[in-house]
Each structure stands twice: as structure tokens, then as C-alpha cells.
Amino acid sequence: QRLADALKKLGLEPIKAKGLPFDPHIHHAVEMAETDEVEDHT
């Protein structure tokens, strides 16, 4: 937590991913799964 806070002060920002639409500019898809539970490309 201390390291993450220090890096955040320097300008590092984590990318939110889970539950959001897939964006090939910030996400790298390593696996795909067929499902009807969520929208396509989530």
C-alpha cells in the first residue's frame, strides 16, 4: 500500500478492467469465454 501510494503520487494510475467493456487500447485479451451472463466483449 505504501509503495502504491508513492507511485500514485509520481503519476502511476491503475487501469480498471473487470466488468468494463473490452478496450484493445488498454486491455490485452489472453482468453475468451462464451457466456450469456454478461454483454459481449465485457
PDB file of all heavy atoms in Angstrom:
ATOM      1  N   GLN A   1       0.833  -1.208   0.000  1.00  0.00           N
ATOM      2  CA  GLN A   1       0.000   0.000   0.000  1.00  0.00           C
ATOM      3  C   GLN A   1       0.866   1.256   0.000  1.00  0.00           C
ATOM      4  O   GLN A   1       0.583   2.220  -0.720  1.00  0.00           O
ATOM      5  CB  GLN A   1      -0.945   0.001   1.205  1.00  0.00           C
ATOM      6  CG  GLN A   1      -2.003   1.073   1.146  1.00  0.00           C
ATOM      7  CD  GLN A   1      -2.878   0.940  -0.099  1.00  0.00           C
ATOM      8  OE1 GLN A   1      -3.393  -0.130  -0.390  1.00  0.00           O
ATOM      9  NE2 GLN A   1      -3.021   2.019  -0.843  1.00  0.00           N
ATOM     10  N   ARG A   2       1.938   1.264   0.764  1.00  0.00           N
ATOM     11  CA  ARG A   2       2.837   2.428   0.811  1.00  0.00           C
ATOM     12  C   ARG A   2       3.510   2.646  -0.545  1.00  0.00           C
ATOM     13  O   ARG A   2       3.636   3.778  -1.023  1.00  0.00           O
ATOM     14  CB  ARG A   2       3.876   2.254   1.905  1.00  0.00           C
ATOM     15  CG  ARG A   2       3.274   2.408   3.305  1.00  0.00           C
ATOM     16  CD  ARG A   2       4.251   2.160   4.402  1.00  0.00           C
ATOM     17  NE  ARG A   2       5.375   3.100   4.341  1.00  0.00           N
ATOM     18  CZ  ARG A   2       6.466   2.983   5.068  1.00  0.00           C
ATOM     19  NH1 ARG A   2       6.594   1.980   5.911  1.00  0.00           N
ATOM     20  NH2 ARG A   2       7.437   3.853   4.959  1.00  0.00           N
ATOM     21  N   LEU A   3       3.945   1.541  -1.170  1.00  0.00           N
ATOM     22  CA  LEU A   3       4.576   1.642  -2.483  1.00  0.00           C
ATOM     23  C   LEU A   3       3.575   2.136  -3.519  1.00  0.00           C
ATOM     24  O   LEU A   3       3.887   3.026  -4.337  1.00  0.00           O
ATOM     25  CB  LEU A   3       5.155   0.285  -2.905  1.00  0.00           C
ATOM     26  CG  LEU A   3       5.822   0.238  -4.278  1.00  0.00           C
ATOM     27  CD1 LEU A   3       6.999   1.215  -4.343  1.00  0.00           C
ATOM     28  CD2 LEU A   3       6.275  -1.172  -4.601  1.00  0.00           C
ATOM     29  N   ALA A   4       2.357   1.585  -3.523  1.00  0.00           N
ATOM     30  CA  ALA A   4       1.324   2.005  -4.472  1.00  0.00           C
ATOM     31  C   ALA A   4       0.996   3.490  -4.289  1.00  0.00           C
ATOM     32  O   ALA A   4       0.846   4.223  -5.280  1.00  0.00           O
ATOM     33  CB  ALA A   4       0.072   1.161  -4.304  1.00  0.00           C
ATOM     34  N   ASP A   5       0.909   3.955  -3.041  1.00  0.00           N
ATOM     35  CA  ASP A   5       0.637   5.372  -2.778  1.00  0.00           C
ATOM     36  C   ASP A   5       1.782   6.252  -3.299  1.00  0.00           C
ATOM     37  O   ASP A   5       1.543   7.315  -3.902  1.00  0.00           O
ATOM     38  CB  ASP A   5       0.424   5.626  -1.283  1.00  0.00           C
ATOM     39  CG  ASP A   5      -0.874   5.030  -0.764  1.00  0.00           C
ATOM     40  OD1 ASP A   5      -1.753   4.691  -1.595  1.00  0.00           O
ATOM     41  OD2 ASP A   5      -1.012   4.905   0.475  1.00  0.00           O
ATOM     42  N   ALA A   6       3.019   5.830  -3.086  1.00  0.00           N
ATOM     43  CA  ALA A   6       4.181   6.605  -3.549  1.00  0.00           C
ATOM     44  C   ALA A   6       4.195   6.680  -5.078  1.00  0.00           C
ATOM     45  O   ALA A   6       4.447   7.756  -5.657  1.00  0.00           O
ATOM     46  CB  ALA A   6       5.471   5.987  -3.029  1.00  0.00           C
ATOM     47  N   LEU A   7       3.916   5.557  -5.742  1.00  0.00           N
ATOM     48  CA  LEU A   7       3.900   5.541  -7.209  1.00  0.00           C
ATOM     49  C   LEU A   7       2.740   6.368  -7.755  1.00  0.00           C
ATOM     50  O   LEU A   7       2.874   7.016  -8.810  1.00  0.00           O
ATOM     51  CB  LEU A   7       3.845   4.101  -7.732  1.00  0.00           C
ATOM     52  CG  LEU A   7       5.118   3.285  -7.525  1.00  0.00           C
ATOM     53  CD1 LEU A   7       4.882   1.822  -7.889  1.00  0.00           C
ATOM     54  CD2 LEU A   7       6.278   3.868  -8.323  1.00  0.00           C
ATOM     55  N   LYS A   8       1.616   6.360  -7.055  1.00  0.00           N
ATOM     56  CA  LYS A   8       0.460   7.163  -7.474  1.00  0.00           C
ATOM     57  C   LYS A   8       0.818   8.651  -7.428  1.00  0.00           C
ATOM     58  O   LYS A   8       0.446   9.428  -8.322  1.00  0.00           O
ATOM     59  CB  LYS A   8      -0.734   6.857  -6.570  1.00  0.00           C
ATOM     60  CG  LYS A   8      -2.017   7.455  -7.054  1.00  0.00           C
ATOM     61  CD  LYS A   8      -3.189   6.968  -6.229  1.00  0.00           C
ATOM     62  CE  LYS A   8      -4.488   7.434  -6.849  1.00  0.00           C
ATOM     63  NZ  LYS A   8      -5.645   6.907  -6.130  1.00  0.00           N
ATOM     64  N   LYS A   9       1.568   9.066  -6.400  1.00  0.00           N
ATOM     65  CA  LYS A   9       1.998  10.458  -6.296  1.00  0.00           C
ATOM     66  C   LYS A   9       2.923  10.836  -7.450  1.00  0.00           C
ATOM     67  O   LYS A   9       2.969  11.990  -7.876  1.00  0.00           O
ATOM     68  CB  LYS A   9       2.717  10.699  -4.960  1.00  0.00           C
ATOM     69  CG  LYS A   9       1.782  10.752  -3.779  1.00  0.00           C
ATOM     70  CD  LYS A   9       2.554  10.983  -2.496  1.00  0.00           C
ATOM     71  CE  LYS A   9       1.606  10.924  -1.304  1.00  0.00           C
ATOM     72  NZ  LYS A   9       2.330  11.067  -0.035  1.00  0.00           N
ATOM     73  N   LEU A  10       3.658   9.857  -7.947  1.00  0.00           N
ATOM     74  CA  LEU A  10       4.564  10.111  -9.075  1.00  0.00           C
ATOM     75  C   LEU A  10       3.845  10.090 -10.422  1.00  0.00           C
ATOM     76  O   LEU A  10       4.437  10.414 -11.450  1.00  0.00           O
ATOM     77  CB  LEU A  10       5.702   9.089  -9.085  1.00  0.00           C
ATOM     78  CG  LEU A  10       6.677   9.167  -7.917  1.00  0.00           C
ATOM     79  CD1 LEU A  10       7.634   7.994  -7.944  1.00  0.00           C
ATOM     80  CD2 LEU A  10       7.437  10.489  -7.962  1.00  0.00           C
ATOM     81  N   GLY A  11       2.569   9.643 -10.441  1.00  0.00           N
ATOM     82  CA  GLY A  11       1.802   9.676 -11.680  1.00  0.00           C
ATOM     83  C   GLY A  11       1.334   8.315 -12.168  1.00  0.00           C
ATOM     84  O   GLY A  11       0.773   8.212 -13.264  1.00  0.00           O
ATOM     85  N   LEU A  12       1.533   7.260 -11.422  1.00  0.00           N
ATOM     86  CA  LEU A  12       1.094   5.926 -11.841  1.00  0.00           C
ATOM     87  C   LEU A  12      -0.378   5.753 -11.499  1.00  0.00           C
ATOM     88  O   LEU A  12      -0.798   6.038 -10.386  1.00  0.00           O
ATOM     89  CB  LEU A  12       1.921   4.849 -11.126  1.00  0.00           C
ATOM     90  CG  LEU A  12       1.644   3.414 -11.573  1.00  0.00           C
ATOM     91  CD1 LEU A  12       2.173   3.200 -12.986  1.00  0.00           C
ATOM     92  CD2 LEU A  12       2.270   2.418 -10.624  1.00  0.00           C
ATOM     93  N   GLU A  13      -1.159   5.285 -12.498  1.00  0.00           N
ATOM     94  CA  GLU A  13      -2.587   5.075 -12.279  1.00  0.00           C
ATOM     95  C   GLU A  13      -2.955   3.669 -12.727  1.00  0.00           C
ATOM     96  O   GLU A  13      -2.677   3.293 -13.871  1.00  0.00           O
ATOM     97  CB  GLU A  13      -3.409   6.084 -13.084  1.00  0.00           C
ATOM     98  CG  GLU A  13      -3.164   7.508 -12.702  1.00  0.00           C
ATOM     99  CD  GLU A  13      -3.796   8.479 -13.687  1.00  0.00           C
ATOM    100  OE1 GLU A  13      -4.509   8.028 -14.608  1.00  0.00           O
ATOM    101  OE2 GLU A  13      -3.567   9.683 -13.540  1.00  0.00           O
ATOM    102  N   PRO A  14      -3.608   2.865 -11.844  1.00  0.00           N
ATOM    103  CA  PRO A  14      -4.043   1.529 -12.271  1.00  0.00           C
ATOM    104  C   PRO A  14      -5.201   1.641 -13.255  1.00  0.00           C
ATOM    105  O   PRO A  14      -6.011   2.563 -13.191  1.00  0.00           O
ATOM    106  CB  PRO A  14      -4.478   0.852 -10.968  1.00  0.00           C
ATOM    107  CG  PRO A  14      -4.671   1.935  -9.979  1.00  0.00           C
ATOM    108  CD  PRO A  14      -3.905   3.130 -10.435  1.00  0.00           C
ATOM    109  N   ILE A  15      -5.243   0.692 -14.187  1.00  0.00           N
ATOM    110  CA  ILE A  15      -6.323   0.652 -15.174  1.00  0.00           C
ATOM    111  C   ILE A  15      -7.410  -0.262 -14.633  1.00  0.00           C
ATOM    112  O   ILE A  15      -7.147  -1.414 -14.282  1.00  0.00           O
ATOM    113  CB  ILE A  15      -5.808   0.123 -16.531  1.00  0.00           C
ATOM    114  CG1 ILE A  15      -4.764   1.085 -17.100  1.00  0.00           C
ATOM    115  CG2 ILE A  15      -6.958  -0.083 -17.503  1.00  0.00           C
ATOM    116  CD1 ILE A  15      -4.089   0.566 -18.352  1.00  0.00           C
ATOM    117  N   LYS A  16      -8.634   0.232 -14.590  1.00  0.00           N
ATOM    118  CA  LYS A  16      -9.779  -0.586 -14.170  1.00  0.00           C
ATOM    119  C   LYS A  16     -10.149  -1.465 -15.347  1.00  0.00           C
ATOM    120  O   LYS A  16     -10.161  -1.010 -16.488  1.00  0.00           O
ATOM    121  CB  LYS A  16     -10.968   0.297 -13.797  1.00  0.00           C
ATOM    122  CG  LYS A  16     -10.665   1.308 -12.720  1.00  0.00           C
ATOM    123  CD  LYS A  16     -11.167   0.831 -11.398  1.00  0.00           C
ATOM    124  CE  LYS A  16     -11.080   1.939 -10.389  1.00  0.00           C
ATOM    125  NZ  LYS A  16     -10.087   1.732  -9.386  1.00  0.00           N
ATOM    126  N   ALA A  17     -10.486  -2.736 -15.064  1.00  0.00           N
ATOM    127  CA  ALA A  17     -10.790  -3.626 -16.177  1.00  0.00           C
ATOM    128  C   ALA A  17     -12.019  -4.493 -15.922  1.00  0.00           C
ATOM    129  O   ALA A  17     -12.918  -4.542 -16.764  1.00  0.00           O
ATOM    130  CB  ALA A  17      -9.586  -4.502 -16.486  1.00  0.00           C
ATOM    131  N   LYS A  18     -12.081  -5.177 -14.809  1.00  0.00           N
ATOM    132  CA  LYS A  18     -13.125  -6.170 -14.569  1.00  0.00           C
ATOM    133  C   LYS A  18     -14.516  -5.525 -14.598  1.00  0.00           C
ATOM    134  O   LYS A  18     -14.765  -4.531 -13.926  1.00  0.00           O
ATOM    135  CB  LYS A  18     -12.903  -6.868 -13.227  1.00  0.00           C
ATOM    136  CG  LYS A  18     -13.829  -8.046 -13.017  1.00  0.00           C
ATOM    137  CD  LYS A  18     -13.455  -8.846 -11.780  1.00  0.00           C
ATOM    138  CE  LYS A  18     -14.417  -9.999 -11.637  1.00  0.00           C
ATOM    139  NZ  LYS A  18     -14.077 -10.848 -10.523  1.00  0.00           N
ATOM    140  N   GLY A  19     -15.411  -6.145 -15.419  1.00  0.00           N
ATOM    141  CA  GLY A  19     -16.786  -5.677 -15.520  1.00  0.00           C
ATOM    142  C   GLY A  19     -16.992  -4.549 -16.519  1.00  0.00           C
ATOM    143  O   GLY A  19     -18.113  -4.149 -16.788  1.00  0.00           O
ATOM    144  N   LEU A  20     -15.903  -4.007 -17.075  1.00  0.00           N
ATOM    145  CA  LEU A  20     -15.991  -2.919 -18.047  1.00  0.00           C
ATOM    146  C   LEU A  20     -15.904  -3.478 -19.465  1.00  0.00           C
ATOM    147  O   LEU A  20     -15.403  -4.593 -19.679  1.00  0.00           O
ATOM    148  CB  LEU A  20     -14.855  -1.908 -17.822  1.00  0.00           C
ATOM    149  CG  LEU A  20     -14.863  -1.205 -16.462  1.00  0.00           C
ATOM    150  CD1 LEU A  20     -13.631  -0.324 -16.321  1.00  0.00           C
ATOM    151  CD2 LEU A  20     -16.130  -0.363 -16.291  1.00  0.00           C
ATOM    152  N   PRO A  21     -16.347  -2.718 -20.466  1.00  0.00           N
ATOM    153  CA  PRO A  21     -16.214  -3.180 -21.852  1.00  0.00           C
ATOM    154  C   PRO A  21     -14.736  -3.303 -22.233  1.00  0.00           C
ATOM    155  O   PRO A  21     -13.902  -2.499 -21.806  1.00  0.00           O
ATOM    156  CB  PRO A  21     -16.895  -2.082 -22.679  1.00  0.00           C
ATOM    157  CG  PRO A  21     -17.729  -1.309 -21.719  1.00  0.00           C
ATOM    158  CD  PRO A  21     -17.095  -1.466 -20.373  1.00  0.00           C
ATOM    159  N   PHE A  22     -14.429  -4.303 -23.047  1.00  0.00           N
ATOM    160  CA  PHE A  22     -13.055  -4.522 -23.502  1.00  0.00           C
ATOM    161  C   PHE A  22     -12.627  -3.361 -24.394  1.00  0.00           C
ATOM    162  O   PHE A  22     -13.336  -2.944 -25.299  1.00  0.00           O
ATOM    163  CB  PHE A  22     -12.985  -5.848 -24.272  1.00  0.00           C
ATOM    164  CG  PHE A  22     -11.648  -6.111 -24.881  1.00  0.00           C
ATOM    165  CD1 PHE A  22     -10.575  -6.497 -24.111  1.00  0.00           C
ATOM    166  CD2 PHE A  22     -11.452  -5.940 -26.260  1.00  0.00           C
ATOM    167  CE1 PHE A  22      -9.332  -6.729 -24.678  1.00  0.00           C
ATOM    168  CE2 PHE A  22     -10.219  -6.173 -26.834  1.00  0.00           C
ATOM    169  CZ  PHE A  22      -9.160  -6.567 -26.049  1.00  0.00           C
ATOM    170  N   ASP A  23     -11.432  -2.812 -24.126  1.00  0.00           N
ATOM    171  CA  ASP A  23     -10.844  -1.744 -24.938  1.00  0.00           C
ATOM    172  C   ASP A  23      -9.456  -2.219 -25.360  1.00  0.00           C
ATOM    173  O   ASP A  23      -8.553  -2.340 -24.528  1.00  0.00           O
ATOM    174  CB  ASP A  23     -10.750  -0.454 -24.119  1.00  0.00           C
ATOM    175  CG  ASP A  23     -10.159   0.710 -24.892  1.00  0.00           C
ATOM    176  OD1 ASP A  23      -9.661   0.510 -26.027  1.00  0.00           O
ATOM    177  OD2 ASP A  23     -10.193   1.832 -24.347  1.00  0.00           O
ATOM    178  N   PRO A  24      -9.253  -2.493 -26.641  1.00  0.00           N
ATOM    179  CA  PRO A  24      -7.965  -3.027 -27.084  1.00  0.00           C
ATOM    180  C   PRO A  24      -6.809  -2.053 -26.893  1.00  0.00           C
ATOM    181  O   PRO A  24      -5.646  -2.463 -26.950  1.00  0.00           O
ATOM    182  CB  PRO A  24      -8.193  -3.327 -28.567  1.00  0.00           C
ATOM    183  CG  PRO A  24      -9.373  -2.530 -28.982  1.00  0.00           C
ATOM    184  CD  PRO A  24     -10.195  -2.322 -27.742  1.00  0.00           C
ATOM    185  N   HIS A  25      -7.076  -0.786 -26.624  1.00  0.00           N
ATOM    186  CA  HIS A  25      -6.022   0.190 -26.403  1.00  0.00           C
ATOM    187  C   HIS A  25      -5.412   0.071 -25.000  1.00  0.00           C
ATOM    188  O   HIS A  25      -4.264   0.471 -24.790  1.00  0.00           O
ATOM    189  CB  HIS A  25      -6.557   1.616 -26.621  1.00  0.00           C
ATOM    190  CG  HIS A  25      -6.961   1.865 -28.024  1.00  0.00           C
ATOM    191  ND1 HIS A  25      -8.254   1.699 -28.466  1.00  0.00           N
ATOM    192  CD2 HIS A  25      -6.231   2.240 -29.114  1.00  0.00           C
ATOM    193  CE1 HIS A  25      -8.314   1.971 -29.740  1.00  0.00           C
ATOM    194  NE2 HIS A  25      -7.086   2.299 -30.167  1.00  0.00           N
ATOM    195  N   ILE A  26      -6.207  -0.454 -24.054  1.00  0.00           N
ATOM    196  CA  ILE A  26      -5.696  -0.554 -22.669  1.00  0.00           C
ATOM    197  C   ILE A  26      -5.785  -1.971 -22.112  1.00  0.00           C
ATOM    198  O   ILE A  26      -5.272  -2.239 -21.023  1.00  0.00           O
ATOM    199  CB  ILE A  26      -6.445   0.420 -21.726  1.00  0.00           C
ATOM    200  CG1 ILE A  26      -7.948   0.124 -21.711  1.00  0.00           C
ATOM    201  CG2 ILE A  26      -6.143   1.867 -22.083  1.00  0.00           C
ATOM    202  CD1 ILE A  26      -8.725   0.899 -20.677  1.00  0.00           C
ATOM    203  N   HIS A  27      -6.424  -2.880 -22.856  1.00  0.00           N
ATOM    204  CA  HIS A  27      -6.562  -4.271 -22.400  1.00  0.00           C
ATOM    205  C   HIS A  27      -5.872  -5.199 -23.392  1.00  0.00           C
ATOM    206  O   HIS A  27      -5.914  -4.960 -24.600  1.00  0.00           O
ATOM    207  CB  HIS A  27      -8.041  -4.674 -22.299  1.00  0.00           C
ATOM    208  CG  HIS A  27      -8.834  -3.855 -21.339  1.00  0.00           C
ATOM    209  ND1 HIS A  27     -10.087  -3.369 -21.642  1.00  0.00           N
ATOM    210  CD2 HIS A  27      -8.559  -3.415 -20.078  1.00  0.00           C
ATOM    211  CE1 HIS A  27     -10.554  -2.695 -20.612  1.00  0.00           C
ATOM    212  NE2 HIS A  27      -9.630  -2.702 -19.659  1.00  0.00           N
ATOM    213  N   HIS A  28      -5.301  -6.233 -22.878  1.00  0.00           N
ATOM    214  CA  HIS A  28      -4.706  -7.281 -23.705  1.00  0.00           C
ATOM    215  C   HIS A  28      -5.468  -8.568 -23.398  1.00  0.00           C
ATOM    216  O   HIS A  28      -5.340  -9.126 -22.309  1.00  0.00           O
ATOM    217  CB  HIS A  28      -3.212  -7.438 -23.376  1.00  0.00           C
ATOM    218  CG  HIS A  28      -2.550  -8.548 -24.106  1.00  0.00           C
ATOM    219  ND1 HIS A  28      -2.191  -8.443 -25.433  1.00  0.00           N
ATOM    220  CD2 HIS A  28      -2.170  -9.789 -23.708  1.00  0.00           C
ATOM    221  CE1 HIS A  28      -1.624  -9.568 -25.815  1.00  0.00           C
ATOM    222  NE2 HIS A  28      -1.594 -10.409 -24.789  1.00  0.00           N
ATOM    223  N   ALA A  29      -6.280  -9.043 -24.366  1.00  0.00           N
ATOM    224  CA  ALA A  29      -7.098 -10.241 -24.148  1.00  0.00           C
ATOM    225  C   ALA A  29      -6.212 -11.475 -24.285  1.00  0.00           C
ATOM    226  O   ALA A  29      -5.592 -11.695 -25.313  1.00  0.00           O
ATOM    227  CB  ALA A  29      -8.232 -10.295 -25.156  1.00  0.00           C
ATOM    228  N   VAL A  30      -6.164 -12.272 -23.219  1.00  0.00           N
ATOM    229  CA  VAL A  30      -5.378 -13.512 -23.255  1.00  0.00           C
ATOM    230  C   VAL A  30      -6.282 -14.739 -23.253  1.00  0.00           C
ATOM    231  O   VAL A  30      -5.810 -15.853 -23.479  1.00  0.00           O
ATOM    232  CB  VAL A  30      -4.379 -13.588 -22.077  1.00  0.00           C
ATOM    233  CG1 VAL A  30      -3.311 -12.518 -22.231  1.00  0.00           C
ATOM    234  CG2 VAL A  30      -5.070 -13.474 -20.743  1.00  0.00           C
ATOM    235  N   GLU A  31      -7.594 -14.506 -23.030  1.00  0.00           N
ATOM    236  CA  GLU A  31      -8.544 -15.612 -23.028  1.00  0.00           C
ATOM    237  C   GLU A  31      -9.923 -15.062 -23.350  1.00  0.00           C
ATOM    238  O   GLU A  31     -10.255 -13.932 -23.002  1.00  0.00           O
ATOM    239  CB  GLU A  31      -8.563 -16.302 -21.656  1.00  0.00           C
ATOM    240  CG  GLU A  31      -9.419 -17.534 -21.605  1.00  0.00           C
ATOM    241  CD  GLU A  31      -9.380 -18.236 -20.248  1.00  0.00           C
ATOM    242  OE1 GLU A  31      -8.567 -17.851 -19.383  1.00  0.00           O
ATOM    243  OE2 GLU A  31     -10.188 -19.149 -20.066  1.00  0.00           O
ATOM    244  N   MET A  32     -10.717 -15.903 -24.038  1.00  0.00           N
ATOM    245  CA  MET A  32     -12.095 -15.533 -24.355  1.00  0.00           C
ATOM    246  C   MET A  32     -12.986 -16.660 -23.868  1.00  0.00           C
ATOM    247  O   MET A  32     -12.615 -17.828 -23.972  1.00  0.00           O
ATOM    248  CB  MET A  32     -12.263 -15.310 -25.850  1.00  0.00           C
ATOM    249  CG  MET A  32     -11.404 -14.181 -26.380  1.00  0.00           C
ATOM    250  SD  MET A  32     -11.458 -14.080 -28.142  1.00  0.00           S
ATOM    251  CE  MET A  32     -12.524 -12.704 -28.360  1.00  0.00           C
ATOM    252  N   ALA A  33     -14.157 -16.311 -23.348  1.00  0.00           N
ATOM    253  CA  ALA A  33     -15.082 -17.316 -22.831  1.00  0.00           C
ATOM    254  C   ALA A  33     -16.487 -17.010 -23.322  1.00  0.00           C
ATOM    255  O   ALA A  33     -16.944 -15.866 -23.242  1.00  0.00           O
ATOM    256  CB  ALA A  33     -15.046 -17.326 -21.311  1.00  0.00           C
ATOM    257  N   GLU A  34     -17.155 -18.049 -23.856  1.00  0.00           N
ATOM    258  CA  GLU A  34     -18.536 -17.880 -24.300  1.00  0.00           C
ATOM    259  C   GLU A  34     -19.453 -17.839 -23.079  1.00  0.00           C
ATOM    260  O   GLU A  34     -19.360 -18.694 -22.207  1.00  0.00           O
ATOM    261  CB  GLU A  34     -18.949 -19.041 -25.209  1.00  0.00           C
ATOM    262  CG  GLU A  34     -18.289 -19.012 -26.557  1.00  0.00           C
ATOM    263  CD  GLU A  34     -18.823 -20.102 -27.487  1.00  0.00           C
ATOM    264  OE1 GLU A  34     -19.850 -20.751 -27.139  1.00  0.00           O
ATOM    265  OE2 GLU A  34     -18.222 -20.305 -28.541  1.00  0.00           O
ATOM    266  N   THR A  35     -20.350 -16.838 -23.071  1.00  0.00           N
ATOM    267  CA  THR A  35     -21.297 -16.713 -21.974  1.00  0.00           C
ATOM    268  C   THR A  35     -22.454 -15.818 -22.381  1.00  0.00           C
ATOM    269  O   THR A  35     -22.300 -14.942 -23.239  1.00  0.00           O
ATOM    270  CB  THR A  35     -20.622 -16.160 -20.695  1.00  0.00           C
ATOM    271  OG1 THR A  35     -21.581 -16.130 -19.659  1.00  0.00           O
ATOM    272  CG2 THR A  35     -20.052 -14.787 -20.907  1.00  0.00           C
ATOM    273  N   ASP A  36     -23.607 -16.057 -21.782  1.00  0.00           N
ATOM    274  CA  ASP A  36     -24.777 -15.196 -21.977  1.00  0.00           C
ATOM    275  C   ASP A  36     -25.058 -14.381 -20.716  1.00  0.00           C
ATOM    276  O   ASP A  36     -26.032 -13.628 -20.671  1.00  0.00           O
ATOM    277  CB  ASP A  36     -26.026 -16.055 -22.294  1.00  0.00           C
ATOM    278  CG  ASP A  36     -25.962 -16.661 -23.681  1.00  0.00           C
ATOM    279  OD1 ASP A  36     -25.345 -16.028 -24.564  1.00  0.00           O
ATOM    280  OD2 ASP A  36     -26.520 -17.757 -23.879  1.00  0.00           O
ATOM    281  N   GLU A  37     -24.214 -14.520 -19.711  1.00  0.00           N
ATOM    282  CA  GLU A  37     -24.438 -13.860 -18.422  1.00  0.00           C
ATOM    283  C   GLU A  37     -24.105 -12.372 -18.464  1.00  0.00           C
ATOM    284  O   GLU A  37     -24.629 -11.597 -17.669  1.00  0.00           O
ATOM    285  CB  GLU A  37     -23.632 -14.559 -17.326  1.00  0.00           C
ATOM    286  CG  GLU A  37     -24.087 -15.983 -17.089  1.00  0.00           C
ATOM    287  CD  GLU A  37     -23.247 -16.707 -16.051  1.00  0.00           C
ATOM    288  OE1 GLU A  37     -22.467 -16.047 -15.334  1.00  0.00           O
ATOM    289  OE2 GLU A  37     -23.375 -17.927 -15.969  1.00  0.00           O
ATOM    290  N   VAL A  38     -23.189 -11.959 -19.317  1.00  0.00           N
ATOM    291  CA  VAL A  38     -22.815 -10.549 -19.432  1.00  0.00           C
ATOM    292  C   VAL A  38     -22.830 -10.171 -20.912  1.00  0.00           C
ATOM    293  O   VAL A  38     -22.889 -11.023 -21.799  1.00  0.00           O
ATOM    294  CB  VAL A  38     -21.411 -10.267 -18.835  1.00  0.00           C
ATOM    295  CG1 VAL A  38     -21.408 -10.483 -17.341  1.00  0.00           C
ATOM    296  CG2 VAL A  38     -20.351 -11.090 -19.515  1.00  0.00           C
ATOM    297  N   GLU A  39     -22.729  -8.869 -21.195  1.00  0.00           N
ATOM    298  CA  GLU A  39     -22.713  -8.401 -22.575  1.00  0.00           C
ATOM    299  C   GLU A  39     -21.464  -8.890 -23.291  1.00  0.00           C
ATOM    300  O   GLU A  39     -20.430  -9.122 -22.673  1.00  0.00           O
ATOM    301  CB  GLU A  39     -22.742  -6.868 -22.614  1.00  0.00           C
ATOM    302  CG  GLU A  39     -24.102  -6.288 -22.359  1.00  0.00           C
ATOM    303  CD  GLU A  39     -24.094  -4.793 -22.627  1.00  0.00           C
ATOM    304  OE1 GLU A  39     -23.476  -4.332 -23.612  1.00  0.00           O
ATOM    305  OE2 GLU A  39     -24.715  -4.088 -21.822  1.00  0.00           O
ATOM    306  N   ASP A  40     -21.586  -8.993 -24.592  1.00  0.00           N
ATOM    307  CA  ASP A  40     -20.472  -9.385 -25.443  1.00  0.00           C
ATOM    308  C   ASP A  40     -19.325  -8.387 -25.267  1.00  0.00           C
ATOM    309  O   ASP A  40     -19.542  -7.179 -25.141  1.00  0.00           O
ATOM    310  CB  ASP A  40     -20.956  -9.404 -26.906  1.00  0.00           C
ATOM    311  CG  ASP A  40     -19.957 -10.059 -27.841  1.00  0.00           C
ATOM    312  OD1 ASP A  40     -19.216 -10.942 -27.376  1.00  0.00           O
ATOM    313  OD2 ASP A  40     -19.923  -9.682 -29.027  1.00  0.00           O
ATOM    314  N   HIS A  41     -18.091  -8.872 -25.236  1.00  0.00           N
ATOM    315  CA  HIS A  41     -16.858  -8.091 -25.098  1.00  0.00           C
ATOM    316  C   HIS A  41     -16.765  -7.356 -23.752  1.00  0.00           C
ATOM    317  O   HIS A  41     -16.266  -6.236 -23.677  1.00  0.00           O
ATOM    318  CB  HIS A  41     -16.702  -7.105 -26.261  1.00  0.00           C
ATOM    319  CG  HIS A  41     -16.409  -7.797 -27.547  1.00  0.00           C
ATOM    320  ND1 HIS A  41     -17.406  -8.255 -28.386  1.00  0.00           N
ATOM    321  CD2 HIS A  41     -15.236  -8.147 -28.130  1.00  0.00           C
ATOM    322  CE1 HIS A  41     -16.874  -8.845 -29.429  1.00  0.00           C
ATOM    323  NE2 HIS A  41     -15.538  -8.802 -29.302  1.00  0.00           N
ATOM    324  N   THR A  42     -17.240  -8.003 -22.701  1.00  0.00           N
ATOM    325  CA  THR A  42     -17.082  -7.466 -21.346  1.00  0.00           C
ATOM    326  C   THR A  42     -15.930  -8.221 -20.682  1.00  0.00           C
ATOM    327  O   THR A  42     -15.771  -9.429 -20.851  1.00  0.00           O
ATOM    328  CB  THR A  42     -18.370  -7.665 -20.516  1.00  0.00           C
ATOM    329  OG1 THR A  42     -19.438  -6.976 -21.167  1.00  0.00           O
ATOM    330  CG2 THR A  42     -18.205  -7.131 -19.102  1.00  0.00           C
TER     331      THR A  42
END
